[in-house]
Protein backbone atom coordinates (compact mmCIF):
# COMPACT_ATOMS: atom_id res chain seq x y z
CA UNK A 1 -24.96 201.14 -69.06
CA UNK A 2 -28.03 198.86 -68.69
CA UNK A 3 -25.81 196.13 -67.19
CA UNK A 4 -24.25 198.61 -64.76
CA UNK A 5 -27.65 199.91 -63.61
CA UNK A 6 -29.03 196.39 -63.28
CA UNK A 7 -26.16 195.56 -60.92
CA UNK A 8 -26.10 198.85 -59.03
CA UNK A 9 -29.79 198.98 -58.09
CA UNK A 10 -29.85 195.62 -56.21
CA UNK A 11 -26.59 196.51 -54.46
CA UNK A 12 -27.99 199.84 -53.32
CA UNK A 13 -31.16 198.17 -52.03
CA UNK A 14 -29.12 195.60 -50.07
CA UNK A 15 -27.07 198.35 -48.44
CA UNK A 16 -30.15 200.39 -47.50
CA UNK A 17 -32.00 197.36 -46.14
CA UNK A 18 -28.93 196.38 -44.16
CA UNK A 19 -28.76 199.85 -42.62
CA UNK A 20 -32.34 199.53 -41.41
CA UNK A 21 -32.09 195.94 -40.14
CA UNK A 22 -28.72 196.20 -38.38
CA UNK A 23 -28.23 198.18 -35.19
CA UNK A 24 -26.69 201.61 -35.72
CA UNK A 25 -23.54 200.54 -33.85
CA UNK A 26 -23.11 197.56 -36.18
CA UNK A 27 -23.42 199.29 -39.56
CA UNK A 28 -21.36 201.82 -41.52
CA UNK A 29 -21.84 203.31 -44.97
CA UNK A 30 -18.83 204.40 -47.01
CA UNK A 31 -17.35 205.47 -50.31
CA UNK A 32 -14.17 204.34 -52.07
CA UNK A 33 -11.85 205.44 -54.87
CA UNK A 34 -9.04 203.46 -56.47
CA UNK A 35 -8.18 200.99 -59.20
CA UNK A 36 -11.75 199.64 -59.23
CA UNK A 37 -13.10 203.16 -59.67
CA UNK A 38 -15.64 204.91 -57.48
CA UNK A 39 -17.55 202.72 -55.07
CA UNK A 40 -20.33 202.65 -52.48
CA UNK A 41 -19.95 200.19 -49.58
CA UNK A 42 -21.80 198.95 -46.53
CA UNK A 43 -20.02 197.27 -43.59
CA UNK A 44 -21.74 195.01 -41.03
CA UNK A 45 -20.15 193.89 -37.75
CA UNK A 46 -20.46 190.09 -37.35
CA UNK A 47 -18.23 189.84 -34.26
CA UNK A 48 -15.41 191.72 -32.59
CA UNK A 49 -12.92 190.33 -35.12
CA UNK A 50 -15.03 189.82 -38.27
CA UNK A 51 -16.94 192.22 -40.52
CA UNK A 52 -19.01 191.58 -43.64
CA UNK A 53 -18.58 194.18 -46.36
CA UNK A 54 -20.36 194.63 -49.69
CA UNK A 55 -20.40 197.24 -52.40
CA UNK A 56 -20.59 198.34 -56.01
CA UNK A 57 -17.62 199.84 -57.93
CA UNK A 58 -17.37 201.38 -61.39
CA UNK A 59 -14.62 202.87 -63.52
CA UNK A 60 -14.51 204.10 -67.13
CA UNK A 61 -11.42 205.79 -68.56
CA UNK A 62 -9.44 206.16 -71.77
CA UNK A 63 -6.28 204.10 -72.18
CA UNK A 64 -4.41 202.08 -74.83
CA UNK A 65 -3.00 198.61 -75.41
CA UNK A 66 0.11 198.08 -77.56
CA UNK A 67 0.90 194.71 -79.14
CA UNK A 68 3.39 193.94 -81.94
CA UNK A 69 3.83 197.61 -82.68
CA UNK A 70 0.08 198.33 -82.99
CA UNK A 71 -1.48 200.73 -80.50
CA UNK A 72 -5.20 200.31 -79.87
CA UNK A 73 -6.71 203.51 -78.43
CA UNK A 74 -9.91 202.96 -76.48
CA UNK A 75 -11.72 202.77 -73.19
CA UNK A 76 -11.48 200.47 -70.17
CA UNK A 77 -14.88 199.94 -68.55
CA UNK A 78 -15.01 198.24 -65.13
CA UNK A 79 -18.28 197.47 -63.35
CA UNK A 80 -18.24 195.16 -60.30
CA UNK A 81 -20.29 194.17 -57.26
CA UNK A 82 -18.28 192.68 -54.41
CA UNK A 83 -18.72 190.87 -51.08
CA UNK A 84 -15.86 190.50 -48.59
CA UNK A 85 -15.16 189.11 -45.13
CA UNK A 86 -12.72 191.29 -43.17
CA UNK A 87 -10.76 189.53 -40.39
CA UNK A 88 -9.19 191.84 -37.80
CA UNK A 89 -6.77 189.43 -36.08
CA UNK A 90 -5.81 191.94 -33.38
CA UNK A 91 -9.35 193.44 -33.16
CA UNK A 92 -7.82 196.70 -34.37
CA UNK A 93 -7.64 198.47 -37.71
CA UNK A 94 -5.39 195.95 -39.55
CA UNK A 95 -7.39 193.39 -41.53
CA UNK A 96 -7.06 190.47 -43.91
CA UNK A 97 -9.83 190.38 -46.53
CA UNK A 98 -11.16 187.55 -48.66
CA UNK A 99 -14.10 187.61 -51.01
CA UNK A 100 -14.96 188.13 -54.63
CA UNK A 101 -16.35 190.45 -57.25
CA UNK A 102 -18.90 189.75 -59.97
CA UNK A 103 -18.68 192.06 -62.92
CA UNK A 104 -18.53 192.99 -66.57
CA UNK A 105 -15.09 194.41 -67.39
CA UNK A 106 -14.04 195.25 -70.93
CA UNK A 107 -11.61 197.13 -73.11
CA UNK A 108 -12.63 198.33 -76.57
CA UNK A 109 -10.05 200.01 -78.80
CA UNK A 110 -9.30 200.86 -82.40
CA UNK A 111 -6.24 201.34 -84.64
CA UNK A 112 -6.03 202.56 -88.22
CA UNK A 113 -3.57 203.64 -90.87
CA UNK A 114 -0.49 201.77 -92.13
CA UNK A 115 -0.33 198.77 -89.82
CA UNK A 116 2.00 195.78 -89.60
CA UNK A 117 -0.31 192.78 -89.24
CA UNK A 118 1.39 189.40 -89.31
CA UNK A 119 4.28 189.56 -91.79
CA UNK A 120 2.65 192.18 -93.99
CA UNK A 121 1.85 195.89 -93.97
CA UNK A 122 -1.70 197.08 -94.75
CA UNK A 123 -3.71 200.23 -94.87
CA UNK A 124 -6.41 199.02 -92.54
CA UNK A 125 -8.86 199.67 -89.70
CA UNK A 126 -8.75 197.39 -86.66
CA UNK A 127 -11.08 196.93 -83.69
CA UNK A 128 -9.93 195.14 -80.52
CA UNK A 129 -12.39 193.86 -77.91
CA UNK A 130 -11.11 192.36 -74.67
CA UNK A 131 -13.48 191.07 -71.96
CA UNK A 132 -12.97 189.85 -68.39
CA UNK A 133 -16.45 188.78 -67.37
CA UNK A 134 -17.62 186.65 -64.46
CA UNK A 135 -16.57 186.07 -60.87
CA UNK A 136 -13.15 187.22 -59.61
CA UNK A 137 -11.88 185.91 -56.22
CA UNK A 138 -10.11 188.52 -54.09
CA UNK A 139 -7.36 188.38 -51.44
CA UNK A 140 -5.83 191.37 -49.75
CA UNK A 141 -4.88 193.28 -46.63
CA UNK A 142 -6.10 196.61 -45.35
CA UNK A 143 -6.21 199.20 -42.61
CA UNK A 144 -9.40 200.56 -41.16
CA UNK A 145 -12.49 199.31 -39.31
CA UNK A 146 -15.59 201.24 -40.26
CA UNK A 147 -17.71 199.88 -37.37
CA UNK A 148 -15.11 200.07 -34.62
CA UNK A 149 -16.29 203.44 -33.33
CA UNK A 150 -19.01 205.95 -34.10
CA UNK A 151 -18.49 208.70 -36.63
CA UNK A 152 -16.05 209.10 -39.51
CA UNK A 153 -13.25 206.64 -40.34
CA UNK A 154 -10.73 206.11 -43.13
CA UNK A 155 -9.36 202.96 -44.77
CA UNK A 156 -6.78 201.66 -47.22
CA UNK A 157 -6.82 198.34 -49.10
CA UNK A 158 -4.14 196.54 -51.09
CA UNK A 159 -4.84 193.23 -52.84
CA UNK A 160 -5.40 191.37 -56.06
CA UNK A 161 -8.43 190.25 -58.06
CA UNK A 162 -8.04 186.94 -59.91
CA UNK A 163 -10.03 187.90 -63.02
CA UNK A 164 -8.85 184.99 -65.23
CA UNK A 165 -7.66 185.08 -68.82
CA UNK A 166 -9.62 187.50 -71.00
CA UNK A 167 -11.50 186.72 -74.17
CA UNK A 168 -9.94 188.57 -77.13
CA UNK A 169 -11.44 189.46 -80.50
CA UNK A 170 -9.79 191.37 -83.38
CA UNK A 171 -11.80 192.44 -86.41
CA UNK A 172 -10.86 194.70 -89.28
CA UNK A 173 -10.99 195.67 -92.93
CA UNK A 174 -8.23 196.49 -95.40
CA UNK A 175 -8.40 199.29 -97.96
CA UNK A 176 -7.74 196.94 -100.89
CA UNK A 177 -10.56 194.30 -101.00
CA UNK A 178 -8.31 191.92 -102.97
CA UNK A 179 -6.03 191.69 -99.92
CA UNK A 180 -8.85 190.90 -97.49
CA UNK A 181 -8.39 187.05 -97.45
CA UNK A 182 -4.66 187.39 -96.74
CA UNK A 183 -5.38 190.12 -94.20
CA UNK A 184 -7.88 187.87 -92.38
CA UNK A 185 -5.24 185.15 -92.01
CA UNK A 186 -2.68 187.60 -90.66
CA UNK A 187 -5.29 189.10 -88.35
CA UNK A 188 -6.03 185.67 -86.85
CA UNK A 189 -2.34 185.32 -85.97
CA UNK A 190 -2.33 188.84 -84.54
CA UNK A 191 -5.32 187.97 -82.37
CA UNK A 192 -3.48 184.93 -80.98
CA UNK A 193 -0.42 187.09 -80.22
CA UNK A 194 -2.58 189.61 -78.36
CA UNK A 195 -4.24 186.82 -76.39
CA UNK A 196 -0.83 185.47 -75.35
CA UNK A 197 0.38 188.94 -74.37
CA UNK A 198 -2.67 189.54 -72.17
CA UNK A 199 -2.35 186.28 -70.23
CA UNK A 200 -0.76 188.10 -67.30
CA UNK A 201 -3.79 190.42 -67.20
CA UNK A 202 -5.66 187.71 -65.30
CA UNK A 203 -4.35 189.37 -62.12
CA UNK A 204 -5.75 192.84 -61.49
CA UNK A 205 -4.35 194.94 -58.61
CA UNK A 206 -6.81 196.48 -56.19
CA UNK A 207 -5.63 199.62 -54.42
CA UNK A 208 -8.39 201.64 -52.75
CA UNK A 209 -8.79 204.53 -50.33
CA UNK A 210 -12.04 204.81 -48.44
CA UNK A 211 -14.06 206.90 -46.02
CA UNK A 212 -16.99 205.59 -43.97
CA UNK A 213 -19.46 206.77 -41.37
CA UNK A 214 -20.85 204.61 -38.56
CA UNK A 215 -24.31 205.71 -37.52
């Protein structure tokens, strides 16, 4: 929560300052909902064909990850600040967007009971932590131009964030302490399997609907 607030406050200040410094016809303030969660955005007109857009987006929901027959129940927590350049090649509502998001994105989940870890079965408790932190380049297309005309407008975006391969950590304890050394060896192999399975998670789809108002 501290990290999220530390990111959100500067973003909010930038949007408010931009609203004051830009002419009313060149600025729009909007909200978004989609695979990056709920977001607040500001859009600035740079020219007839190019806009600069920035915002903050957050999402926290319960989900699960299954690997080698083990289901880890937990929460996915996304928190990102983004900056994008929107190119409207026909000076209309269609746009091509490039940019990036800086964030702290993580999954934390747990599994317990009779679990198959490695080649053995244990009565154990497991904790899985998966993190995608840092800068994620973005490429996508969209419909909508928040600063094209005064008043209310709507938008849709479809693209992909290149978040990179996640860091993965598995920790756990087994009910029988005598089995802990063997369990730790099997758990290390399980961690490697989970890391391999999540390699494709370096691409995160971005699908957002938005509404904006030009002052």
